Amino acid sequence: MSAAVLADTNVLVYWMDAGGGRRHARAAEIFDLLGLDRVRLSTQVLSEFASVMTHPRKLAMEPAMAADAVMAMSDSCEILPVGPRTVVAALRAHERWQLAYFVAQIWASVRSTTSPSSSPRTSHPVPRWAE
């Protein structure tokens, strides 16, 4: 069984931006190689994606199209919810390791779905309170 991969907002945006040149091509290649069955998305990443895609000075996608894209991704990928425990774990990681809060929240989303015996490899030590 292949390991699951949490996709970052930027990779989703590049994947959807057909006018993105090399970034679009690379993102499409990444998803083709991984297969959507291995991709995990947090609700945070979906929200960030919707914000970037519909921003009038960025890609200016119509909200209905962005909603369709979010639903299509939700149907194809496992979604990791961001709940109160995820927020608390993110705040603790933010404080302890001086991570940017939303980076810590993505880490906490992944951490909430793994057991201590199958913890993800990370450049930061896994704190006891997260186990």
C-alpha atoms as a PDB file:
ATOM      1  CA  MET A   1       0.000   0.000   0.000  1.00  0.00           C
ATOM      2  CA  SER A   2       1.359   3.435  -0.942  1.00  0.00           C
ATOM      3  CA  ALA A   3       1.531   6.219   1.592  1.00  0.00           C
ATOM      4  CA  ALA A   4      -1.017   9.012   1.551  1.00  0.00           C
ATOM      5  CA  VAL A   5       0.113  12.523   0.650  1.00  0.00           C
ATOM      6  CA  LEU A   6      -1.327  15.794   1.929  1.00  0.00           C
ATOM      7  CA  ALA A   7      -1.568  18.282  -0.920  1.00  0.00           C
ATOM      8  CA  ASP A   8      -0.671  21.913  -0.341  1.00  0.00           C
ATOM      9  CA  THR A   9      -2.898  24.758  -1.527  1.00  0.00           C
ATOM     10  CA  ASN A  10      -0.324  25.969  -4.054  1.00  0.00           C
ATOM     11  CA  VAL A  11      -0.198  22.599  -5.822  1.00  0.00           C
ATOM     12  CA  LEU A  12      -3.999  22.613  -6.152  1.00  0.00           C
ATOM     13  CA  VAL A  13      -3.993  26.153  -7.511  1.00  0.00           C
ATOM     14  CA  TYR A  14      -1.255  25.360 -10.056  1.00  0.00           C
ATOM     15  CA  TRP A  15      -3.121  22.200 -11.068  1.00  0.00           C
ATOM     16  CA  MET A  16      -6.310  24.167 -11.781  1.00  0.00           C
ATOM     17  CA  ASP A  17      -4.580  27.118 -13.486  1.00  0.00           C
ATOM     18  CA  ALA A  18      -4.309  25.920 -17.098  1.00  0.00           C
ATOM     19  CA  GLY A  19      -2.514  29.173 -17.967  1.00  0.00           C
ATOM     20  CA  GLY A  20       0.147  28.495 -15.363  1.00  0.00           C
ATOM     21  CA  GLY A  21       2.778  27.135 -17.753  1.00  0.00           C
ATOM     22  CA  ARG A  22       5.455  25.001 -16.110  1.00  0.00           C
ATOM     23  CA  ARG A  23       3.827  25.138 -12.677  1.00  0.00           C
ATOM     24  CA  HIS A  24       0.570  23.798 -14.104  1.00  0.00           C
ATOM     25  CA  ALA A  25       2.376  21.045 -15.991  1.00  0.00           C
ATOM     26  CA  ARG A  26       4.370  20.011 -12.922  1.00  0.00           C
ATOM     27  CA  ALA A  27       1.299  19.985 -10.658  1.00  0.00           C
ATOM     28  CA  ALA A  28      -0.604  17.862 -13.194  1.00  0.00           C
ATOM     29  CA  GLU A  29       2.357  15.476 -13.362  1.00  0.00           C
ATOM     30  CA  ILE A  30       2.436  15.199  -9.567  1.00  0.00           C
ATOM     31  CA  PHE A  31      -1.258  14.304  -9.359  1.00  0.00           C
ATOM     32  CA  ASP A  32      -0.924  11.848 -12.253  1.00  0.00           C
ATOM     33  CA  LEU A  33       1.990  10.113 -10.532  1.00  0.00           C
ATOM     34  CA  LEU A  34       0.351  10.012  -7.118  1.00  0.00           C
ATOM     35  CA  GLY A  35      -3.175   9.154  -8.133  1.00  0.00           C
ATOM     36  CA  LEU A  36      -6.003  11.012  -6.438  1.00  0.00           C
ATOM     37  CA  ASP A  37      -6.751   8.018  -4.201  1.00  0.00           C
ATOM     38  CA  ARG A  38      -3.517   8.793  -2.308  1.00  0.00           C
ATOM     39  CA  VAL A  39      -4.127  12.548  -2.012  1.00  0.00           C
ATOM     40  CA  ARG A  40      -5.470  13.986   1.236  1.00  0.00           C
ATOM     41  CA  LEU A  41      -6.803  17.529   1.573  1.00  0.00           C
ATOM     42  CA  SER A  42      -7.579  19.403   4.750  1.00  0.00           C
ATOM     43  CA  THR A  43     -10.617  21.628   4.985  1.00  0.00           C
ATOM     44  CA  GLN A  44      -8.120  24.452   5.493  1.00  0.00           C
ATOM     45  CA  VAL A  45      -6.476  23.718   2.125  1.00  0.00           C
ATOM     46  CA  LEU A  46      -9.883  23.636   0.410  1.00  0.00           C
ATOM     47  CA  SER A  47     -10.756  27.008   1.950  1.00  0.00           C
ATOM     48  CA  GLU A  48      -7.439  28.550   0.915  1.00  0.00           C
ATOM     49  CA  PHE A  49      -7.911  27.123  -2.597  1.00  0.00           C
ATOM     50  CA  ALA A  50     -11.374  28.718  -2.879  1.00  0.00           C
ATOM     51  CA  SER A  51     -10.021  32.049  -1.668  1.00  0.00           C
ATOM     52  CA  VAL A  52      -7.113  32.155  -4.120  1.00  0.00           C
ATOM     53  CA  MET A  53      -9.113  30.916  -7.087  1.00  0.00           C
ATOM     54  CA  THR A  54     -11.885  33.507  -6.644  1.00  0.00           C
ATOM     55  CA  HIS A  55      -9.690  36.484  -5.702  1.00  0.00           C
ATOM     56  CA  PRO A  56     -10.317  39.236  -8.279  1.00  0.00           C
ATOM     57  CA  ARG A  57      -6.607  40.108  -8.628  1.00  0.00           C
ATOM     58  CA  LYS A  58      -5.443  36.511  -8.832  1.00  0.00           C
ATOM     59  CA  LEU A  59      -7.276  33.914 -10.914  1.00  0.00           C
ATOM     60  CA  ALA A  60     -10.757  35.474 -10.648  1.00  0.00           C
ATOM     61  CA  MET A  61     -12.616  32.177 -11.062  1.00  0.00           C
ATOM     62  CA  GLU A  62     -16.367  32.448 -10.715  1.00  0.00           C
ATOM     63  CA  PRO A  63     -17.484  31.225  -7.252  1.00  0.00           C
ATOM     64  CA  ALA A  64     -19.761  28.585  -8.818  1.00  0.00           C
ATOM     65  CA  MET A  65     -16.803  27.134 -10.746  1.00  0.00           C
ATOM     66  CA  ALA A  66     -14.655  27.153  -7.606  1.00  0.00           C
ATOM     67  CA  ALA A  67     -17.460  25.380  -5.731  1.00  0.00           C
ATOM     68  CA  ASP A  68     -17.620  22.731  -8.459  1.00  0.00           C
ATOM     69  CA  ALA A  69     -13.832  22.259  -8.225  1.00  0.00           C
ATOM     70  CA  VAL A  70     -13.986  21.921  -4.431  1.00  0.00           C
ATOM     71  CA  MET A  71     -16.769  19.337  -4.673  1.00  0.00           C
ATOM     72  CA  ALA A  72     -14.918  17.384  -7.376  1.00  0.00           C
ATOM     73  CA  MET A  73     -11.781  17.285  -5.212  1.00  0.00           C
ATOM     74  CA  SER A  74     -13.859  16.299  -2.184  1.00  0.00           C
ATOM     75  CA  ASP A  75     -15.359  13.415  -4.152  1.00  0.00           C
ATOM     76  CA  SER A  76     -11.914  12.237  -5.330  1.00  0.00           C
ATOM     77  CA  CYS A  77      -9.731  12.735  -2.253  1.00  0.00           C
ATOM     78  CA  GLU A  78      -9.987  12.028   1.459  1.00  0.00           C
ATOM     79  CA  ILE A  79     -10.756  15.227   3.374  1.00  0.00           C
ATOM     80  CA  LEU A  80      -9.132  15.852   6.753  1.00  0.00           C
ATOM     81  CA  PRO A  81     -11.400  18.047   8.883  1.00  0.00           C
ATOM     82  CA  VAL A  82     -10.093  20.901  10.985  1.00  0.00           C
ATOM     83  CA  GLY A  83     -11.869  20.717  14.323  1.00  0.00           C
ATOM     84  CA  PRO A  84     -11.189  22.201  17.769  1.00  0.00           C
ATOM     85  CA  ARG A  85      -8.536  19.596  18.671  1.00  0.00           C
ATOM     86  CA  THR A  86      -6.698  20.325  15.425  1.00  0.00           C
ATOM     87  CA  VAL A  87      -6.752  24.052  16.197  1.00  0.00           C
ATOM     88  CA  VAL A  88      -5.388  23.465  19.718  1.00  0.00           C
ATOM     89  CA  ALA A  89      -2.643  21.156  18.421  1.00  0.00           C
ATOM     90  CA  ALA A  90      -1.757  23.786  15.806  1.00  0.00           C
ATOM     91  CA  LEU A  91      -1.558  26.520  18.444  1.00  0.00           C
ATOM     92  CA  ARG A  92       0.765  24.369  20.546  1.00  0.00           C
ATOM     93  CA  ALA A  93       2.997  23.570  17.555  1.00  0.00           C
ATOM     94  CA  HIS A  94       2.951  27.248  16.555  1.00  0.00           C
ATOM     95  CA  GLU A  95       4.141  28.240  20.018  1.00  0.00           C
ATOM     96  CA  ARG A  96       6.619  25.426  20.548  1.00  0.00           C
ATOM     97  CA  TRP A  97       8.354  25.439  17.163  1.00  0.00           C
ATOM     98  CA  GLN A  98       7.573  28.992  16.006  1.00  0.00           C
ATOM     99  CA  LEU A  99       5.813  27.614  12.933  1.00  0.00           C
ATOM    100  CA  ALA A 100       3.507  29.914  11.021  1.00  0.00           C
ATOM    101  CA  TYR A 101       0.050  29.150  12.387  1.00  0.00           C
ATOM    102  CA  PHE A 102      -1.442  27.776   9.162  1.00  0.00           C
ATOM    103  CA  VAL A 103       1.624  25.600   8.544  1.00  0.00           C
ATOM    104  CA  ALA A 104       1.140  24.226  12.059  1.00  0.00           C
ATOM    105  CA  GLN A 105      -2.542  23.626  11.327  1.00  0.00           C
ATOM    106  CA  ILE A 106      -1.722  21.559   8.240  1.00  0.00           C
ATOM    107  CA  TRP A 107       0.745  19.531  10.337  1.00  0.00           C
ATOM    108  CA  ALA A 108      -1.907  19.071  13.026  1.00  0.00           C
ATOM    109  CA  SER A 109      -4.475  17.929  10.433  1.00  0.00           C
ATOM    110  CA  VAL A 110      -2.166  15.153   9.317  1.00  0.00           C
ATOM    111  CA  ARG A 111      -1.139  14.323  12.864  1.00  0.00           C
ATOM    112  CA  SER A 112      -4.767  13.913  13.922  1.00  0.00           C
ATOM    113  CA  THR A 113      -5.198  11.075  11.422  1.00  0.00           C
ATOM    114  CA  THR A 114      -2.118   9.064  12.403  1.00  0.00           C
ATOM    115  CA  SER A 115      -1.405   6.959  15.431  1.00  0.00           C
ATOM    116  CA  PRO A 116       1.859   7.371  17.373  1.00  0.00           C
ATOM    117  CA  SER A 117       3.107   4.079  15.929  1.00  0.00           C
ATOM    118  CA  SER A 118       2.562   5.330  12.376  1.00  0.00           C
ATOM    119  CA  SER A 119       3.469   8.965  12.844  1.00  0.00           C
ATOM    120  CA  PRO A 120       4.445  10.896   9.725  1.00  0.00           C
ATOM    121  CA  ARG A 121       8.088  11.717   9.172  1.00  0.00           C
ATOM    122  CA  THR A 122       8.589  15.361   9.949  1.00  0.00           C
ATOM    123  CA  SER A 123      11.537  17.663  10.420  1.00  0.00           C
ATOM    124  CA  HIS A 124      10.123  18.517  13.835  1.00  0.00           C
ATOM    125  CA  PRO A 125       9.943  16.145  16.777  1.00  0.00           C
ATOM    126  CA  VAL A 126       6.482  14.846  17.549  1.00  0.00           C
ATOM    127  CA  PRO A 127       5.405  16.370  20.874  1.00  0.00           C
ATOM    128  CA  ARG A 128       4.007  14.122  23.616  1.00  0.00           C
ATOM    129  CA  TRP A 129       0.721  16.013  23.749  1.00  0.00           C
ATOM    130  CA  ALA A 130       0.098  15.114  20.093  1.00  0.00           C
ATOM    131  CA  GLU A 131       0.421  11.379  20.679  1.00  0.00           C
END
